[in-house]
Every structure is written in C-alpha cells, then in structure tokens.
C-alpha cells in the first residue's frame, strides 16, 4: 500500500535520490529543503512518514521534529552524519522513531522505513 513520505534535506542530490527510490517502491514522495518547509508540508499534506536530515540551514531536523511531534503523531527518521550516541539520545527523547547515520545503505533505509510504516 502506497504511503506518503516527506523527505527534508538541504542537499538536492540526497532529496532526488531518496525521492526516486521511494517512488519506485510505490510511495508518494514530497521533498523540501529545510525544517520550516517540513513543518509547513506536514500542515498541508496527509503525511505517513518523515525522513529528516539533522543539519539543515535555519532549523535543523531535531528542532523541526520537536515542533511536528507537538501536533502530529508521525514516525520520523532522522538522518545524521554525526556520532550517533548524543544525537540519537536527544532524538529518541523527542519522540523520533529511528536515526540513521550518513552515509547509509539505501536498503538499510528501506528496511527502517518499512518497519516504521509496518509494511
């Protein structure tokens, strides 16, 4: 069953790669380039899952996730290139379902997405 996935990353190449991959998997995909746009997209669209980059200009992924999770119960996957322990601890405390370290294997992310969506 197709789900609507929101991808927020300031790197266009990452957005395009993930968009194409998850579209091929049969999902609807919306892409944005920062945390504020992610919040706006969640308010406008019926999103099933969010994949957020940690480091984005203006508002990072963790900040955006905290605001989103105040009003919506959505599974969020946080992508980060930083050491896992401290960021993952803060992310889990905020209600983020999973963290994945960049660079990652696309099949690993596919499995995490499926788990979060219970596919």
PDB file of N, CA and C in Angstrom:
ATOM      1  N   UNK A   1       0.841  -1.190   0.000  1.00  0.00           N
ATOM      2  CA  UNK A   1       0.000   0.000   0.000  1.00  0.00           C
ATOM      3  C   UNK A   1       0.879   1.243   0.000  1.00  0.00           C
ATOM      4  N   UNK A   2       0.607   2.139  -0.912  1.00  0.00           N
ATOM      5  CA  UNK A   2       1.404   3.357  -1.045  1.00  0.00           C
ATOM      6  C   UNK A   2       1.205   4.272   0.162  1.00  0.00           C
ATOM      7  N   UNK A   3       2.299   4.823   0.617  1.00  0.00           N
ATOM      8  CA  UNK A   3       2.284   5.777   1.725  1.00  0.00           C
ATOM      9  C   UNK A   3       2.865   7.099   1.234  1.00  0.00           C
ATOM     10  N   UNK A   4       2.551   8.175   1.955  1.00  0.00           N
ATOM     11  CA  UNK A   4       3.081   9.489   1.603  1.00  0.00           C
ATOM     12  C   UNK A   4       4.270   9.785   2.510  1.00  0.00           C
ATOM     13  N   UNK A   5       5.437   9.922   1.878  1.00  0.00           N
ATOM     14  CA  UNK A   5       6.688  10.135   2.606  1.00  0.00           C
ATOM     15  C   UNK A   5       7.187  11.554   2.346  1.00  0.00           C
ATOM     16  N   UNK A   6       7.524  12.253   3.418  1.00  0.00           N
ATOM     17  CA  UNK A   6       8.126  13.575   3.330  1.00  0.00           C
ATOM     18  C   UNK A   6       9.625  13.442   3.565  1.00  0.00           C
ATOM     19  N   UNK A   7      10.413  13.974   2.638  1.00  0.00           N
ATOM     20  CA  UNK A   7      11.873  13.952   2.758  1.00  0.00           C
ATOM     21  C   UNK A   7      12.354  15.389   2.881  1.00  0.00           C
ATOM     22  N   UNK A   8      13.075  15.689   3.964  1.00  0.00           N
ATOM     23  CA  UNK A   8      13.618  17.026   4.198  1.00  0.00           C
ATOM     24  C   UNK A   8      15.131  16.938   4.299  1.00  0.00           C
ATOM     25  N   UNK A   9      15.816  17.515   3.317  1.00  0.00           N
ATOM     26  CA  UNK A   9      17.279  17.532   3.299  1.00  0.00           C
ATOM     27  C   UNK A   9      17.713  18.733   2.474  1.00  0.00           C
ATOM     28  N   UNK A  10      18.724  19.452   2.937  1.00  0.00           N
ATOM     29  CA  UNK A  10      19.183  20.627   2.199  1.00  0.00           C
ATOM     30  C   UNK A  10      20.032  20.262   0.989  1.00  0.00           C
ATOM     31  N   UNK A  11      20.434  19.017   0.873  1.00  0.00           N
ATOM     32  CA  UNK A  11      21.225  18.576  -0.282  1.00  0.00           C
ATOM     33  C   UNK A  11      20.288  18.016  -1.349  1.00  0.00           C
ATOM     34  N   UNK A  12      20.233  18.728  -2.469  1.00  0.00           N
ATOM     35  CA  UNK A  12      19.320  18.348  -3.547  1.00  0.00           C
ATOM     36  C   UNK A  12      19.571  16.927  -4.039  1.00  0.00           C
ATOM     37  N   UNK A  13      20.836  16.518  -4.123  1.00  0.00           N
ATOM     38  CA  UNK A  13      21.160  15.178  -4.588  1.00  0.00           C
ATOM     39  C   UNK A  13      20.567  14.101  -3.699  1.00  0.00           C
ATOM     40  N   UNK A  14      20.611  14.312  -2.387  1.00  0.00           N
ATOM     41  CA  UNK A  14      20.041  13.346  -1.437  1.00  0.00           C
ATOM     42  C   UNK A  14      18.526  13.305  -1.606  1.00  0.00           C
ATOM     43  N   UNK A  15      17.906  14.480  -1.701  1.00  0.00           N
ATOM     44  CA  UNK A  15      16.448  14.530  -1.892  1.00  0.00           C
ATOM     45  C   UNK A  15      16.044  13.781  -3.154  1.00  0.00           C
ATOM     46  N   UNK A  16      16.748  14.062  -4.261  1.00  0.00           N
ATOM     47  CA  UNK A  16      16.406  13.428  -5.534  1.00  0.00           C
ATOM     48  C   UNK A  16      16.586  11.916  -5.477  1.00  0.00           C
ATOM     49  N   UNK A  17      17.688  11.463  -4.890  1.00  0.00           N
ATOM     50  CA  UNK A  17      17.946  10.026  -4.782  1.00  0.00           C
ATOM     51  C   UNK A  17      16.844   9.324  -3.995  1.00  0.00           C
ATOM     52  N   UNK A  18      16.521   9.864  -2.829  1.00  0.00           N
ATOM     53  CA  UNK A  18      15.504   9.240  -1.987  1.00  0.00           C
ATOM     54  C   UNK A  18      14.118   9.337  -2.620  1.00  0.00           C
ATOM     55  N   UNK A  19      13.840  10.455  -3.259  1.00  0.00           N
ATOM     56  CA  UNK A  19      12.547  10.611  -3.939  1.00  0.00           C
ATOM     57  C   UNK A  19      12.379   9.548  -5.021  1.00  0.00           C
ATOM     58  N   UNK A  20      13.365   9.408  -5.874  1.00  0.00           N
ATOM     59  CA  UNK A  20      13.288   8.420  -6.954  1.00  0.00           C
ATOM     60  C   UNK A  20      13.172   7.003  -6.399  1.00  0.00           C
ATOM     61  N   UNK A  21      13.965   6.702  -5.395  1.00  0.00           N
ATOM     62  CA  UNK A  21      13.948   5.348  -4.830  1.00  0.00           C
ATOM     63  C   UNK A  21      12.574   5.011  -4.254  1.00  0.00           C
ATOM     64  N   UNK A  22      12.037   5.895  -3.415  1.00  0.00           N
ATOM     65  CA  UNK A  22      10.772   5.574  -2.764  1.00  0.00           C
ATOM     66  C   UNK A  22       9.583   5.665  -3.726  1.00  0.00           C
ATOM     67  N   UNK A  23       9.689   6.463  -4.776  1.00  0.00           N
ATOM     68  CA  UNK A  23       8.653   6.440  -5.820  1.00  0.00           C
ATOM     69  C   UNK A  23       8.662   5.095  -6.533  1.00  0.00           C
ATOM     70  N   UNK A  24       9.860   4.579  -6.813  1.00  0.00           N
ATOM     71  CA  UNK A  24       9.954   3.257  -7.447  1.00  0.00           C
ATOM     72  C   UNK A  24       9.395   2.159  -6.548  1.00  0.00           C
ATOM     73  N   UNK A  25       9.433   2.388  -5.248  1.00  0.00           N
ATOM     74  CA  UNK A  25       8.868   1.444  -4.293  1.00  0.00           C
ATOM     75  C   UNK A  25       7.342   1.584  -4.198  1.00  0.00           C
ATOM     76  N   UNK A  26       6.781   2.563  -4.917  1.00  0.00           N
ATOM     77  CA  UNK A  26       5.335   2.734  -4.967  1.00  0.00           C
ATOM     78  C   UNK A  26       4.760   3.771  -4.023  1.00  0.00           C
ATOM     79  N   UNK A  27       5.603   4.564  -3.394  1.00  0.00           N
ATOM     80  CA  UNK A  27       5.124   5.582  -2.459  1.00  0.00           C
ATOM     81  C   UNK A  27       4.981   6.941  -3.135  1.00  0.00           C
ATOM     82  N   UNK A  28       4.175   7.799  -2.534  1.00  0.00           N
ATOM     83  CA  UNK A  28       4.119   9.202  -2.924  1.00  0.00           C
ATOM     84  C   UNK A  28       5.191   9.908  -2.114  1.00  0.00           C
ATOM     85  N   UNK A  29       5.904  10.821  -2.746  1.00  0.00           N
ATOM     86  CA  UNK A  29       7.023  11.490  -2.073  1.00  0.00           C
ATOM     87  C   UNK A  29       6.904  12.998  -2.247  1.00  0.00           C
ATOM     88  N   UNK A  30       7.101  13.691  -1.147  1.00  0.00           N
ATOM     89  CA  UNK A  30       7.181  15.153  -1.142  1.00  0.00           C
ATOM     90  C   UNK A  30       8.570  15.492  -0.629  1.00  0.00           C
ATOM     91  N   UNK A  31       9.256  16.423  -1.284  1.00  0.00           N
ATOM     92  CA  UNK A  31      10.586  16.820  -0.827  1.00  0.00           C
ATOM     93  C   UNK A  31      10.604  18.302  -0.473  1.00  0.00           C
ATOM     94  N   UNK A  32      11.371  18.619   0.563  1.00  0.00           N
ATOM     95  CA  UNK A  32      11.596  20.003   0.989  1.00  0.00           C
ATOM     96  C   UNK A  32      13.061  20.150   1.377  1.00  0.00           C
ATOM     97  N   UNK A  33      13.520  21.391   1.476  1.00  0.00           N
ATOM     98  CA  UNK A  33      14.947  21.615   1.692  1.00  0.00           C
ATOM     99  C   UNK A  33      15.322  22.108   3.088  1.00  0.00           C
ATOM    100  N   UNK A  34      14.342  22.280   3.982  1.00  0.00           N
ATOM    101  CA  UNK A  34      14.693  22.711   5.335  1.00  0.00           C
ATOM    102  C   UNK A  34      13.587  22.363   6.328  1.00  0.00           C
ATOM    103  N   UNK A  35      13.872  22.587   7.595  1.00  0.00           N
ATOM    104  CA  UNK A  35      12.941  22.217   8.659  1.00  0.00           C
ATOM    105  C   UNK A  35      11.635  22.982   8.630  1.00  0.00           C
ATOM    106  N   UNK A  36      11.691  24.267   8.325  1.00  0.00           N
ATOM    107  CA  UNK A  36      10.477  25.079   8.276  1.00  0.00           C
ATOM    108  C   UNK A  36       9.553  24.588   7.165  1.00  0.00           C
ATOM    109  N   UNK A  37      10.122  24.270   6.004  1.00  0.00           N
ATOM    110  CA  UNK A  37       9.317  23.725   4.912  1.00  0.00           C
ATOM    111  C   UNK A  37       8.728  22.371   5.288  1.00  0.00           C
ATOM    112  N   UNK A  38       9.446  21.592   6.078  1.00  0.00           N
ATOM    113  CA  UNK A  38       8.924  20.299   6.531  1.00  0.00           C
ATOM    114  C   UNK A  38       7.688  20.506   7.410  1.00  0.00           C
ATOM    115  N   UNK A  39       7.765  21.453   8.319  1.00  0.00           N
ATOM    116  CA  UNK A  39       6.626  21.754   9.197  1.00  0.00           C
ATOM    117  C   UNK A  39       5.431  22.192   8.359  1.00  0.00           C
ATOM    118  N   UNK A  40       5.668  23.063   7.383  1.00  0.00           N
ATOM    119  CA  UNK A  40       4.588  23.547   6.513  1.00  0.00           C
ATOM    120  C   UNK A  40       3.975  22.408   5.703  1.00  0.00           C
ATOM    121  N   UNK A  41       4.801  21.497   5.207  1.00  0.00           N
ATOM    122  CA  UNK A  41       4.300  20.369   4.419  1.00  0.00           C
ATOM    123  C   UNK A  41       3.421  19.454   5.269  1.00  0.00           C
ATOM    124  N   UNK A  42       3.821  19.219   6.508  1.00  0.00           N
ATOM    125  CA  UNK A  42       3.027  18.370   7.403  1.00  0.00           C
ATOM    126  C   UNK A  42       1.670  19.006   7.668  1.00  0.00           C
ATOM    127  N   UNK A  43       1.629  20.327   7.755  1.00  0.00           N
ATOM    128  CA  UNK A  43       0.366  21.024   7.994  1.00  0.00           C
ATOM    129  C   UNK A  43      -0.563  20.957   6.784  1.00  0.00           C
ATOM    130  N   UNK A  44      -0.001  20.857   5.583  1.00  0.00           N
ATOM    131  CA  UNK A  44      -0.793  20.875   4.346  1.00  0.00           C
ATOM    132  C   UNK A  44      -1.142  19.488   3.818  1.00  0.00           C
ATOM    133  N   UNK A  45      -0.295  18.518   4.061  1.00  0.00           N
ATOM    134  CA  UNK A  45      -0.444  17.190   3.466  1.00  0.00           C
ATOM    135  C   UNK A  45      -0.734  16.138   4.533  1.00  0.00           C
ATOM    136  N   UNK A  46      -1.290  15.033   4.113  1.00  0.00           N
ATOM    137  CA  UNK A  46      -1.545  13.906   4.997  1.00  0.00           C
ATOM    138  C   UNK A  46      -0.334  12.969   4.930  1.00  0.00           C
ATOM    139  N   UNK A  47       0.700  13.280   5.689  1.00  0.00           N
ATOM    140  CA  UNK A  47       1.982  12.581   5.644  1.00  0.00           C
ATOM    141  C   UNK A  47       1.915  11.313   6.507  1.00  0.00           C
ATOM    142  N   UNK A  48       2.520  10.226   6.003  1.00  0.00           N
ATOM    143  CA  UNK A  48       2.578   8.977   6.758  1.00  0.00           C
ATOM    144  C   UNK A  48       3.916   8.776   7.465  1.00  0.00           C
ATOM    145  N   UNK A  49       4.995   9.367   6.914  1.00  0.00           N
ATOM    146  CA  UNK A  49       6.341   9.170   7.469  1.00  0.00           C
ATOM    147  C   UNK A  49       7.216  10.340   7.031  1.00  0.00           C
ATOM    148  N   UNK A  50       8.118  10.740   7.913  1.00  0.00           N
ATOM    149  CA  UNK A  50       9.051  11.838   7.604  1.00  0.00           C
ATOM    150  C   UNK A  50      10.478  11.326   7.726  1.00  0.00           C
ATOM    151  N   UNK A  51      11.297  11.666   6.723  1.00  0.00           N
ATOM    152  CA  UNK A  51      12.737  11.425   6.780  1.00  0.00           C
ATOM    153  C   UNK A  51      13.385  12.802   6.815  1.00  0.00           C
ATOM    154  N   UNK A  52      14.014  13.128   7.940  1.00  0.00           N
ATOM    155  CA  UNK A  52      14.594  14.457   8.169  1.00  0.00           C
ATOM    156  C   UNK A  52      16.109  14.379   8.277  1.00  0.00           C
ATOM    157  N   UNK A  53      16.786  15.298   7.604  1.00  0.00           N
ATOM    158  CA  UNK A  53      18.219  15.448   7.811  1.00  0.00           C
ATOM    159  C   UNK A  53      18.421  16.249   9.090  1.00  0.00           C
ATOM    160  N   UNK A  54      19.463  15.936   9.825  1.00  0.00           N
ATOM    161  CA  UNK A  54      19.743  16.661  11.060  1.00  0.00           C
ATOM    162  C   UNK A  54      20.219  18.080  10.774  1.00  0.00           C
ATOM    163  N   UNK A  55      21.210  18.199   9.898  1.00  0.00           N
ATOM    164  CA  UNK A  55      21.826  19.505   9.682  1.00  0.00           C
ATOM    165  C   UNK A  55      21.245  20.165   8.433  1.00  0.00           C
ATOM    166  N   UNK A  56      20.427  21.200   8.674  1.00  0.00           N
ATOM    167  CA  UNK A  56      19.841  21.998   7.605  1.00  0.00           C
ATOM    168  C   UNK A  56      19.894  23.454   8.030  1.00  0.00           C
ATOM    169  N   UNK A  57      19.950  24.352   7.074  1.00  0.00           N
ATOM    170  CA  UNK A  57      20.014  25.772   7.433  1.00  0.00           C
ATOM    171  C   UNK A  57      18.714  26.259   8.068  1.00  0.00           C
ATOM    172  N   UNK A  58      18.842  27.201   8.979  1.00  0.00           N
ATOM    173  CA  UNK A  58      17.675  27.809   9.607  1.00  0.00           C
ATOM    174  C   UNK A  58      17.147  27.012  10.785  1.00  0.00           C
ATOM    175  N   UNK A  59      16.685  25.815  10.516  1.00  0.00           N
ATOM    176  CA  UNK A  59      16.121  24.960  11.560  1.00  0.00           C
ATOM    177  C   UNK A  59      16.569  23.529  11.287  1.00  0.00           C
ATOM    178  N   UNK A  60      17.255  22.933  12.243  1.00  0.00           N
ATOM    179  CA  UNK A  60      17.739  21.571  11.996  1.00  0.00           C
ATOM    180  C   UNK A  60      16.613  20.553  12.143  1.00  0.00           C
ATOM    181  N   UNK A  61      16.906  19.324  11.780  1.00  0.00           N
ATOM    182  CA  UNK A  61      15.906  18.276  11.795  1.00  0.00           C
ATOM    183  C   UNK A  61      15.334  17.981  13.164  1.00  0.00           C
ATOM    184  N   UNK A  62      16.165  18.032  14.178  1.00  0.00           N
ATOM    185  CA  UNK A  62      15.687  17.762  15.534  1.00  0.00           C
ATOM    186  C   UNK A  62      14.709  18.848  15.987  1.00  0.00           C
ATOM    187  N   UNK A  63      15.033  20.101  15.699  1.00  0.00           N
ATOM    188  CA  UNK A  63      14.130  21.206  16.053  1.00  0.00           C
ATOM    189  C   UNK A  63      12.796  21.071  15.319  1.00  0.00           C
ATOM    190  N   UNK A  64      12.856  20.767  14.024  1.00  0.00           N
ATOM    191  CA  UNK A  64      11.636  20.599  13.243  1.00  0.00           C
ATOM    192  C   UNK A  64      10.807  19.431  13.771  1.00  0.00           C
ATOM    193  N   UNK A  65      11.475  18.328  14.087  1.00  0.00           N
ATOM    194  CA  UNK A  65      10.772  17.150  14.596  1.00  0.00           C
ATOM    195  C   UNK A  65      10.037  17.455  15.895  1.00  0.00           C
ATOM    196  N   UNK A  66      10.680  18.187  16.783  1.00  0.00           N
ATOM    197  CA  UNK A  66      10.037  18.531  18.056  1.00  0.00           C
ATOM    198  C   UNK A  66       8.752  19.320  17.824  1.00  0.00           C
ATOM    199  N   UNK A  67       8.783  20.266  16.891  1.00  0.00           N
ATOM    200  CA  UNK A  67       7.592  21.070  16.601  1.00  0.00           C
ATOM    201  C   UNK A  67       6.512  20.201  15.957  1.00  0.00           C
ATOM    202  N   UNK A  68       6.897  19.377  15.010  1.00  0.00           N
ATOM    203  CA  UNK A  68       5.932  18.499  14.338  1.00  0.00           C
ATOM    204  C   UNK A  68       5.279  17.550  15.340  1.00  0.00           C
ATOM    205  N   UNK A  69       6.087  16.948  16.207  1.00  0.00           N
ATOM    206  CA  UNK A  69       5.566  15.953  17.149  1.00  0.00           C
ATOM    207  C   UNK A  69       4.703  16.552  18.257  1.00  0.00           C
ATOM    208  N   UNK A  70       4.720  17.879  18.407  1.00  0.00           N
ATOM    209  CA  UNK A  70       3.813  18.516  19.359  1.00  0.00           C
ATOM    210  C   UNK A  70       2.364  18.408  18.885  1.00  0.00           C
ATOM    211  N   UNK A  71       2.178  18.332  17.554  1.00  0.00           N
ATOM    212  CA  UNK A  71       0.825  18.361  16.991  1.00  0.00           C
ATOM    213  C   UNK A  71       0.437  17.126  16.198  1.00  0.00           C
ATOM    214  N   UNK A  72       1.406  16.302  15.846  1.00  0.00           N
ATOM    215  CA  UNK A  72       1.133  15.144  14.988  1.00  0.00           C
ATOM    216  C   UNK A  72       1.851  13.916  15.532  1.00  0.00           C
ATOM    217  N   UNK A  73       1.207  12.783  15.416  1.00  0.00           N
ATOM    218  CA  UNK A  73       1.816  11.522  15.818  1.00  0.00           C
ATOM    219  C   UNK A  73       2.296  10.821  14.543  1.00  0.00           C
ATOM    220  N   UNK A  74       3.518  11.113  14.140  1.00  0.00           N
ATOM    221  CA  UNK A  74       4.082  10.594  12.897  1.00  0.00           C
ATOM    222  C   UNK A  74       5.418   9.917  13.158  1.00  0.00           C
ATOM    223  N   UNK A  75       5.700   8.835  12.447  1.00  0.00           N
ATOM    224  CA  UNK A  75       7.038   8.261  12.554  1.00  0.00           C
ATOM    225  C   UNK A  75       8.041   9.154  11.832  1.00  0.00           C
ATOM    226  N   UNK A  76       9.134   9.459  12.512  1.00  0.00           N
ATOM    227  CA  UNK A  76      10.187  10.304  11.945  1.00  0.00           C
ATOM    228  C   UNK A  76      11.506   9.550  12.013  1.00  0.00           C
ATOM    229  N   UNK A  77      12.217   9.574  10.884  1.00  0.00           N
ATOM    230  CA  UNK A  77      13.566   9.010  10.800  1.00  0.00           C
ATOM    231  C   UNK A  77      14.513  10.186  10.649  1.00  0.00           C
ATOM    232  N   UNK A  78      15.507  10.272  11.517  1.00  0.00           N
ATOM    233  CA  UNK A  78      16.481  11.358  11.477  1.00  0.00           C
ATOM    234  C   UNK A  78      17.773  10.853  10.850  1.00  0.00           C
ATOM    235  N   UNK A  79      18.208  11.535   9.784  1.00  0.00           N
ATOM    236  CA  UNK A  79      19.482  11.201   9.139  1.00  0.00           C
ATOM    237  C   UNK A  79      20.538  12.151   9.683  1.00  0.00           C
ATOM    238  N   UNK A  80      21.685  11.611  10.056  1.00  0.00           N
ATOM    239  CA  UNK A  80      22.753  12.451  10.582  1.00  0.00           C
ATOM    240  C   UNK A  80      24.117  11.909  10.178  1.00  0.00           C
ATOM    241  N   UNK A  81      25.046  12.822  10.007  1.00  0.00           N
ATOM    242  CA  UNK A  81      26.426  12.429   9.709  1.00  0.00           C
ATOM    243  C   UNK A  81      27.276  12.485  10.983  1.00  0.00           C
ATOM    244  N   UNK A  82      26.645  12.780  12.106  1.00  0.00           N
ATOM    245  CA  UNK A  82      27.356  12.946  13.371  1.00  0.00           C
ATOM    246  C   UNK A  82      27.400  11.646  14.160  1.00  0.00           C
ATOM    247  N   UNK A  83      28.247  11.631  15.164  1.00  0.00           N
ATOM    248  CA  UNK A  83      28.329  10.480  16.067  1.00  0.00           C
ATOM    249  C   UNK A  83      26.941  10.179  16.615  1.00  0.00           C
ATOM    250  N   UNK A  84      26.634   8.947  16.676  1.00  0.00           N
ATOM    251  CA  UNK A  84      25.271   8.513  16.938  1.00  0.00           C
ATOM    252  C   UNK A  84      24.782   8.760  18.371  1.00  0.00           C
ATOM    253  N   UNK A  85      25.599   8.565  19.350  1.00  0.00           N
ATOM    254  CA  UNK A  85      25.130   8.479  20.732  1.00  0.00           C
ATOM    255  C   UNK A  85      24.349   9.693  21.230  1.00  0.00           C
ATOM    256  N   UNK A  86      24.931  10.863  21.238  1.00  0.00           N
ATOM    257  CA  UNK A  86      24.273  12.038  21.820  1.00  0.00           C
ATOM    258  C   UNK A  86      23.071  12.478  20.990  1.00  0.00           C
ATOM    259  N   UNK A  87      23.221  12.525  19.686  1.00  0.00           N
ATOM    260  CA  UNK A  87      22.109  12.936  18.822  1.00  0.00           C
ATOM    261  C   UNK A  87      20.972  11.926  18.912  1.00  0.00           C
ATOM    262  N   UNK A  88      21.314  10.640  18.886  1.00  0.00           N
ATOM    263  CA  UNK A  88      20.274   9.621  18.971  1.00  0.00           C
ATOM    264  C   UNK A  88      19.541   9.701  20.303  1.00  0.00           C
ATOM    265  N   UNK A  89      20.259   9.946  21.375  1.00  0.00           N
ATOM    266  CA  UNK A  89      19.641  10.087  22.698  1.00  0.00           C
ATOM    267  C   UNK A  89      18.641  11.240  22.695  1.00  0.00           C
ATOM    268  N   UNK A  90      19.057  12.392  22.165  1.00  0.00           N
ATOM    269  CA  UNK A  90      18.173  13.559  22.100  1.00  0.00           C
ATOM    270  C   UNK A  90      16.996  13.312  21.168  1.00  0.00           C
ATOM    271  N   UNK A  91      17.251  12.630  20.047  1.00  0.00           N
ATOM    272  CA  UNK A  91      16.197  12.345  19.080  1.00  0.00           C
ATOM    273  C   UNK A  91      15.139  11.425  19.680  1.00  0.00           C
ATOM    274  N   UNK A  92      15.565  10.375  20.337  1.00  0.00           N
ATOM    275  CA  UNK A  92      14.623   9.432  20.930  1.00  0.00           C
ATOM    276  C   UNK A  92      13.818  10.096  22.052  1.00  0.00           C
ATOM    277  N   UNK A  93      14.471  10.963  22.802  1.00  0.00           N
ATOM    278  CA  UNK A  93      13.773  11.692  23.864  1.00  0.00           C
ATOM    279  C   UNK A  93      12.696  12.603  23.281  1.00  0.00           C
ATOM    280  N   UNK A  94      12.928  13.102  22.064  1.00  0.00           N
ATOM    281  CA  UNK A  94      11.969  13.989  21.408  1.00  0.00           C
ATOM    282  C   UNK A  94      10.823  13.218  20.751  1.00  0.00           C
ATOM    283  N   UNK A  95      10.964  11.898  20.621  1.00  0.00           N
ATOM    284  CA  UNK A  95       9.914  11.093  20.017  1.00  0.00           C
ATOM    285  C   UNK A  95      10.214  10.606  18.612  1.00  0.00           C
ATOM    286  N   UNK A  96      11.432  10.830  18.143  1.00  0.00           N
ATOM    287  CA  UNK A  96      11.827  10.344  16.831  1.00  0.00           C
ATOM    288  C   UNK A  96      11.987   8.829  16.904  1.00  0.00           C
ATOM    289  N   UNK A  97      11.445   8.139  15.899  1.00  0.00           N
ATOM    290  CA  UNK A  97      11.439   6.665  15.921  1.00  0.00           C
ATOM    291  C   UNK A  97      12.812   6.051  15.709  1.00  0.00           C
ATOM    292  N   UNK A  98      13.555   6.544  14.716  1.00  0.00           N
ATOM    293  CA  UNK A  98      14.836   5.925  14.367  1.00  0.00           C
ATOM    294  C   UNK A  98      15.821   6.987  13.891  1.00  0.00           C
ATOM    295  N   UNK A  99      17.096   6.683  14.029  1.00  0.00           N
ATOM    296  CA  UNK A  99      18.185   7.500  13.487  1.00  0.00           C
ATOM    297  C   UNK A  99      18.988   6.626  12.533  1.00  0.00           C
ATOM    298  N   UNK A 100      19.512   7.247  11.490  1.00  0.00           N
ATOM    299  CA  UNK A 100      20.375   6.541  10.559  1.00  0.00           C
ATOM    300  C   UNK A 100      21.573   7.436  10.264  1.00  0.00           C
ATOM    301  N   UNK A 101      22.754   6.837  10.240  1.00  0.00           N
ATOM    302  CA  UNK A 101      23.990   7.588  10.048  1.00  0.00           C
ATOM    303  C   UNK A 101      24.329   7.657   8.565  1.00  0.00           C
ATOM    304  N   UNK A 102      24.617   8.888   8.109  1.00  0.00           N
ATOM    305  CA  UNK A 102      25.093   9.095   6.730  1.00  0.00           C
ATOM    306  C   UNK A 102      26.583   8.827   6.690  1.00  0.00           C
ATOM    307  N   UNK A 103      27.120   8.251   5.666  1.00  0.00           N
ATOM    308  CA  UNK A 103      26.390   7.661   4.542  1.00  0.00           C
ATOM    309  C   UNK A 103      25.774   6.335   4.967  1.00  0.00           C
ATOM    310  N   UNK A 104      24.649   6.005   4.364  1.00  0.00           N
ATOM    311  CA  UNK A 104      23.950   4.775   4.704  1.00  0.00           C
ATOM    312  C   UNK A 104      23.663   3.980   3.432  1.00  0.00           C
ATOM    313  N   UNK A 105      23.362   2.723   3.623  1.00  0.00           N
ATOM    314  CA  UNK A 105      22.940   1.871   2.519  1.00  0.00           C
ATOM    315  C   UNK A 105      21.446   2.098   2.300  1.00  0.00           C
ATOM    316  N   UNK A 106      21.048   2.287   1.049  1.00  0.00           N
ATOM    317  CA  UNK A 106      19.644   2.559   0.745  1.00  0.00           C
ATOM    318  C   UNK A 106      18.738   1.415   1.202  1.00  0.00           C
ATOM    319  N   UNK A 107      19.235   0.179   1.128  1.00  0.00           N
ATOM    320  CA  UNK A 107      18.418  -0.956   1.575  1.00  0.00           C
ATOM    321  C   UNK A 107      18.213  -0.938   3.096  1.00  0.00           C
ATOM    322  N   UNK A 108      19.194  -0.411   3.820  1.00  0.00           N
ATOM    323  CA  UNK A 108      19.026  -0.250   5.271  1.00  0.00           C
ATOM    324  C   UNK A 108      17.909   0.751   5.553  1.00  0.00           C
ATOM    325  N   UNK A 109      17.913   1.873   4.820  1.00  0.00           N
ATOM    326  CA  UNK A 109      16.864   2.876   4.999  1.00  0.00           C
ATOM    327  C   UNK A 109      15.515   2.298   4.589  1.00  0.00           C
ATOM    328  N   UNK A 110      15.476   1.522   3.512  1.00  0.00           N
ATOM    329  CA  UNK A 110      14.225   0.894   3.064  1.00  0.00           C
ATOM    330  C   UNK A 110      13.648   0.031   4.182  1.00  0.00           C
ATOM    331  N   UNK A 111      14.492  -0.764   4.846  1.00  0.00           N
ATOM    332  CA  UNK A 111      14.038  -1.623   5.940  1.00  0.00           C
ATOM    333  C   UNK A 111      13.530  -0.797   7.120  1.00  0.00           C
ATOM    334  N   UNK A 112      14.215   0.297   7.427  1.00  0.00           N
ATOM    335  CA  UNK A 112      13.784   1.167   8.532  1.00  0.00           C
ATOM    336  C   UNK A 112      12.419   1.794   8.202  1.00  0.00           C
ATOM    337  N   UNK A 113      12.278   2.266   6.964  1.00  0.00           N
ATOM    338  CA  UNK A 113      11.003   2.857   6.532  1.00  0.00           C
ATOM    339  C   UNK A 113       9.881   1.816   6.647  1.00  0.00           C
ATOM    340  N   UNK A 114      10.128   0.632   6.140  1.00  0.00           N
ATOM    341  CA  UNK A 114       9.124  -0.429   6.205  1.00  0.00           C
ATOM    342  C   UNK A 114       8.744  -0.743   7.649  1.00  0.00           C
ATOM    343  N   UNK A 115       9.731  -0.789   8.526  1.00  0.00           N
ATOM    344  CA  UNK A 115       9.483  -1.059   9.941  1.00  0.00           C
ATOM    345  C   UNK A 115       8.639   0.053  10.560  1.00  0.00           C
ATOM    346  N   UNK A 116       8.980   1.298  10.261  1.00  0.00           N
ATOM    347  CA  UNK A 116       8.239   2.433  10.813  1.00  0.00           C
ATOM    348  C   UNK A 116       6.803   2.480  10.301  1.00  0.00           C
ATOM    349  N   UNK A 117       6.623   2.040   9.058  1.00  0.00           N
ATOM    350  CA  UNK A 117       5.281   2.029   8.456  1.00  0.00           C
ATOM    351  C   UNK A 117       4.579   0.687   8.661  1.00  0.00           C
ATOM    352  N   UNK A 118       5.306  -0.286   9.238  1.00  0.00           N
ATOM    353  CA  UNK A 118       4.809  -1.640   9.454  1.00  0.00           C
ATOM    354  C   UNK A 118       4.312  -2.259   8.146  1.00  0.00           C
ATOM    355  N   UNK A 119       5.180  -2.163   7.111  1.00  0.00           N
ATOM    356  CA  UNK A 119       4.854  -2.750   5.797  1.00  0.00           C
ATOM    357  C   UNK A 119       5.315  -4.177   5.714  1.00  0.00           C
TER     358      UNK A 119
END
